[in-house]
């Protein structure tokens, strides 16, 4: 069962609010992938954690213009430092500018 199909939890809402406020994205898609990792040792030790530990984030923003992939990812990680310190274990990031998103075949 994929619980991420239900309503977003407080961590996902916080991620969305922070990225929206700073990056002003033209597209933002956040998927909670935590349910796929519930069997990992670290998650079992925490009884599955809070159910909000692993996320896939696809974001399109012109705030990324002129930044390398590493700089884009560092920016996102810095914006979400509180969530990472509080239990978010992993982020899978796709970060593109409007131009890149428009010229590439969207796989998300």
C-alpha atoms as a PDB file:
ATOM      1  CA  UNK A   1       0.000   0.000   0.000  1.00  0.00           C
ATOM      2  CA  UNK A   2       1.227   3.476  -0.846  1.00  0.00           C
ATOM      3  CA  UNK A   3       0.318   5.820   2.030  1.00  0.00           C
ATOM      4  CA  UNK A   4       1.864   8.772   0.200  1.00  0.00           C
ATOM      5  CA  UNK A   5      -1.290   8.849  -1.920  1.00  0.00           C
ATOM      6  CA  UNK A   6      -3.150  10.243   1.104  1.00  0.00           C
ATOM      7  CA  UNK A   7      -2.993  13.801   2.384  1.00  0.00           C
ATOM      8  CA  UNK A   8       0.461  15.317   2.852  1.00  0.00           C
ATOM      9  CA  UNK A   9       1.836  15.273   6.379  1.00  0.00           C
ATOM     10  CA  UNK A  10       3.348  18.191   8.299  1.00  0.00           C
ATOM     11  CA  UNK A  11       6.892  17.586   7.035  1.00  0.00           C
ATOM     12  CA  UNK A  12       5.796  17.503   3.395  1.00  0.00           C
ATOM     13  CA  UNK A  13       3.734  20.658   3.918  1.00  0.00           C
ATOM     14  CA  UNK A  14       6.750  22.387   5.483  1.00  0.00           C
ATOM     15  CA  UNK A  15       8.946  21.349   2.544  1.00  0.00           C
ATOM     16  CA  UNK A  16       6.386  22.692   0.087  1.00  0.00           C
ATOM     17  CA  UNK A  17       5.999  26.001   1.930  1.00  0.00           C
ATOM     18  CA  UNK A  18       9.756  26.617   2.209  1.00  0.00           C
ATOM     19  CA  UNK A  19      10.545  25.741  -1.392  1.00  0.00           C
ATOM     20  CA  UNK A  20       7.606  27.771  -2.674  1.00  0.00           C
ATOM     21  CA  UNK A  21       8.512  30.848  -0.627  1.00  0.00           C
ATOM     22  CA  UNK A  22      12.152  30.949  -1.676  1.00  0.00           C
ATOM     23  CA  UNK A  23      12.261  29.381  -5.130  1.00  0.00           C
ATOM     24  CA  UNK A  24       8.907  30.638  -6.478  1.00  0.00           C
ATOM     25  CA  UNK A  25       8.703  27.522  -8.651  1.00  0.00           C
ATOM     26  CA  UNK A  26       6.695  27.240 -11.831  1.00  0.00           C
ATOM     27  CA  UNK A  27       6.370  23.548 -11.013  1.00  0.00           C
ATOM     28  CA  UNK A  28       6.808  21.697  -7.723  1.00  0.00           C
ATOM     29  CA  UNK A  29       6.047  18.034  -7.192  1.00  0.00           C
ATOM     30  CA  UNK A  30       6.830  16.382  -3.869  1.00  0.00           C
ATOM     31  CA  UNK A  31       6.347  12.655  -3.378  1.00  0.00           C
ATOM     32  CA  UNK A  32       6.614  10.951  -0.004  1.00  0.00           C
ATOM     33  CA  UNK A  33       8.547   7.743  -0.683  1.00  0.00           C
ATOM     34  CA  UNK A  34       8.945   6.782   2.973  1.00  0.00           C
ATOM     35  CA  UNK A  35       6.669   3.760   2.756  1.00  0.00           C
ATOM     36  CA  UNK A  36       9.164   2.150   0.342  1.00  0.00           C
ATOM     37  CA  UNK A  37      11.894   2.330   2.990  1.00  0.00           C
ATOM     38  CA  UNK A  38      10.029   1.134   6.076  1.00  0.00           C
ATOM     39  CA  UNK A  39      12.029  -2.122   6.097  1.00  0.00           C
ATOM     40  CA  UNK A  40      15.435  -0.387   6.375  1.00  0.00           C
ATOM     41  CA  UNK A  41      17.237  -0.980   9.666  1.00  0.00           C
ATOM     42  CA  UNK A  42      17.189   2.693  10.654  1.00  0.00           C
ATOM     43  CA  UNK A  43      13.443   2.916  10.033  1.00  0.00           C
ATOM     44  CA  UNK A  44      12.738  -0.332  11.920  1.00  0.00           C
ATOM     45  CA  UNK A  45      14.753   0.982  14.866  1.00  0.00           C
ATOM     46  CA  UNK A  46      12.425   3.986  14.966  1.00  0.00           C
ATOM     47  CA  UNK A  47       9.295   1.845  14.425  1.00  0.00           C
ATOM     48  CA  UNK A  48       9.025   3.273  10.918  1.00  0.00           C
ATOM     49  CA  UNK A  49       9.787   6.812  11.967  1.00  0.00           C
ATOM     50  CA  UNK A  50       7.046   9.388  11.486  1.00  0.00           C
ATOM     51  CA  UNK A  51       6.261   8.197   7.967  1.00  0.00           C
ATOM     52  CA  UNK A  52       7.969  11.237   6.466  1.00  0.00           C
ATOM     53  CA  UNK A  53      11.626  10.347   5.992  1.00  0.00           C
ATOM     54  CA  UNK A  54      12.202   9.948   2.227  1.00  0.00           C
ATOM     55  CA  UNK A  55      11.022  12.361  -0.461  1.00  0.00           C
ATOM     56  CA  UNK A  56      11.355  12.838  -4.202  1.00  0.00           C
ATOM     57  CA  UNK A  57      11.269  16.514  -5.136  1.00  0.00           C
ATOM     58  CA  UNK A  58      10.934  17.758  -8.715  1.00  0.00           C
ATOM     59  CA  UNK A  59      11.187  21.530  -8.862  1.00  0.00           C
ATOM     60  CA  UNK A  60      11.355  23.959 -11.774  1.00  0.00           C
ATOM     61  CA  UNK A  61      12.483  27.465 -10.893  1.00  0.00           C
ATOM     62  CA  UNK A  62      14.395  30.275 -12.520  1.00  0.00           C
ATOM     63  CA  UNK A  63      16.169  30.700  -9.168  1.00  0.00           C
ATOM     64  CA  UNK A  64      18.379  27.879 -10.472  1.00  0.00           C
ATOM     65  CA  UNK A  65      19.499  29.887 -13.516  1.00  0.00           C
ATOM     66  CA  UNK A  66      23.306  30.110 -13.643  1.00  0.00           C
ATOM     67  CA  UNK A  67      23.756  27.539 -10.864  1.00  0.00           C
ATOM     68  CA  UNK A  68      25.446  24.163 -11.246  1.00  0.00           C
ATOM     69  CA  UNK A  69      23.600  21.008 -10.256  1.00  0.00           C
ATOM     70  CA  UNK A  70      25.632  20.888  -7.036  1.00  0.00           C
ATOM     71  CA  UNK A  71      24.739  24.508  -6.219  1.00  0.00           C
ATOM     72  CA  UNK A  72      21.054  23.827  -6.854  1.00  0.00           C
ATOM     73  CA  UNK A  73      21.054  20.790  -4.592  1.00  0.00           C
ATOM     74  CA  UNK A  74      22.963  22.642  -1.873  1.00  0.00           C
ATOM     75  CA  UNK A  75      20.381  25.414  -2.052  1.00  0.00           C
ATOM     76  CA  UNK A  76      17.512  22.965  -1.562  1.00  0.00           C
ATOM     77  CA  UNK A  77      19.335  21.156   1.242  1.00  0.00           C
ATOM     78  CA  UNK A  78      20.032  24.459   3.007  1.00  0.00           C
ATOM     79  CA  UNK A  79      16.367  25.464   2.743  1.00  0.00           C
ATOM     80  CA  UNK A  80      15.355  22.141   4.286  1.00  0.00           C
ATOM     81  CA  UNK A  81      18.066  21.947   6.964  1.00  0.00           C
ATOM     82  CA  UNK A  82      15.525  21.876   9.808  1.00  0.00           C
ATOM     83  CA  UNK A  83      13.621  18.978   8.250  1.00  0.00           C
ATOM     84  CA  UNK A  84      16.846  17.069   7.632  1.00  0.00           C
ATOM     85  CA  UNK A  85      17.949  17.611  11.240  1.00  0.00           C
ATOM     86  CA  UNK A  86      14.535  16.492  12.494  1.00  0.00           C
ATOM     87  CA  UNK A  87      14.380  13.142  10.730  1.00  0.00           C
ATOM     88  CA  UNK A  88      14.168  13.487   6.958  1.00  0.00           C
ATOM     89  CA  UNK A  89      16.628  10.827   5.868  1.00  0.00           C
ATOM     90  CA  UNK A  90      16.839  11.209   2.084  1.00  0.00           C
ATOM     91  CA  UNK A  91      15.905  13.551  -0.737  1.00  0.00           C
ATOM     92  CA  UNK A  92      15.888  12.620  -4.406  1.00  0.00           C
ATOM     93  CA  UNK A  93      16.101  15.896  -6.293  1.00  0.00           C
ATOM     94  CA  UNK A  94      15.378  16.984  -9.852  1.00  0.00           C
ATOM     95  CA  UNK A  95      16.148  20.703 -10.160  1.00  0.00           C
ATOM     96  CA  UNK A  96      15.608  22.533 -13.446  1.00  0.00           C
ATOM     97  CA  UNK A  97      15.170  26.032 -14.777  1.00  0.00           C
ATOM     98  CA  UNK A  98      12.074  26.947 -16.770  1.00  0.00           C
ATOM     99  CA  UNK A  99      14.148  26.807 -19.934  1.00  0.00           C
ATOM    100  CA  UNK A 100      15.517  23.343 -19.142  1.00  0.00           C
ATOM    101  CA  UNK A 101      12.081  22.010 -18.283  1.00  0.00           C
ATOM    102  CA  UNK A 102      10.678  23.418 -21.533  1.00  0.00           C
ATOM    103  CA  UNK A 103      13.344  21.903 -23.751  1.00  0.00           C
ATOM    104  CA  UNK A 104      13.589  18.489 -22.106  1.00  0.00           C
ATOM    105  CA  UNK A 105      11.084  15.710 -22.315  1.00  0.00           C
ATOM    106  CA  UNK A 106       9.404  15.703 -18.950  1.00  0.00           C
ATOM    107  CA  UNK A 107       9.966  12.422 -17.192  1.00  0.00           C
ATOM    108  CA  UNK A 108       8.085  13.614 -14.146  1.00  0.00           C
END
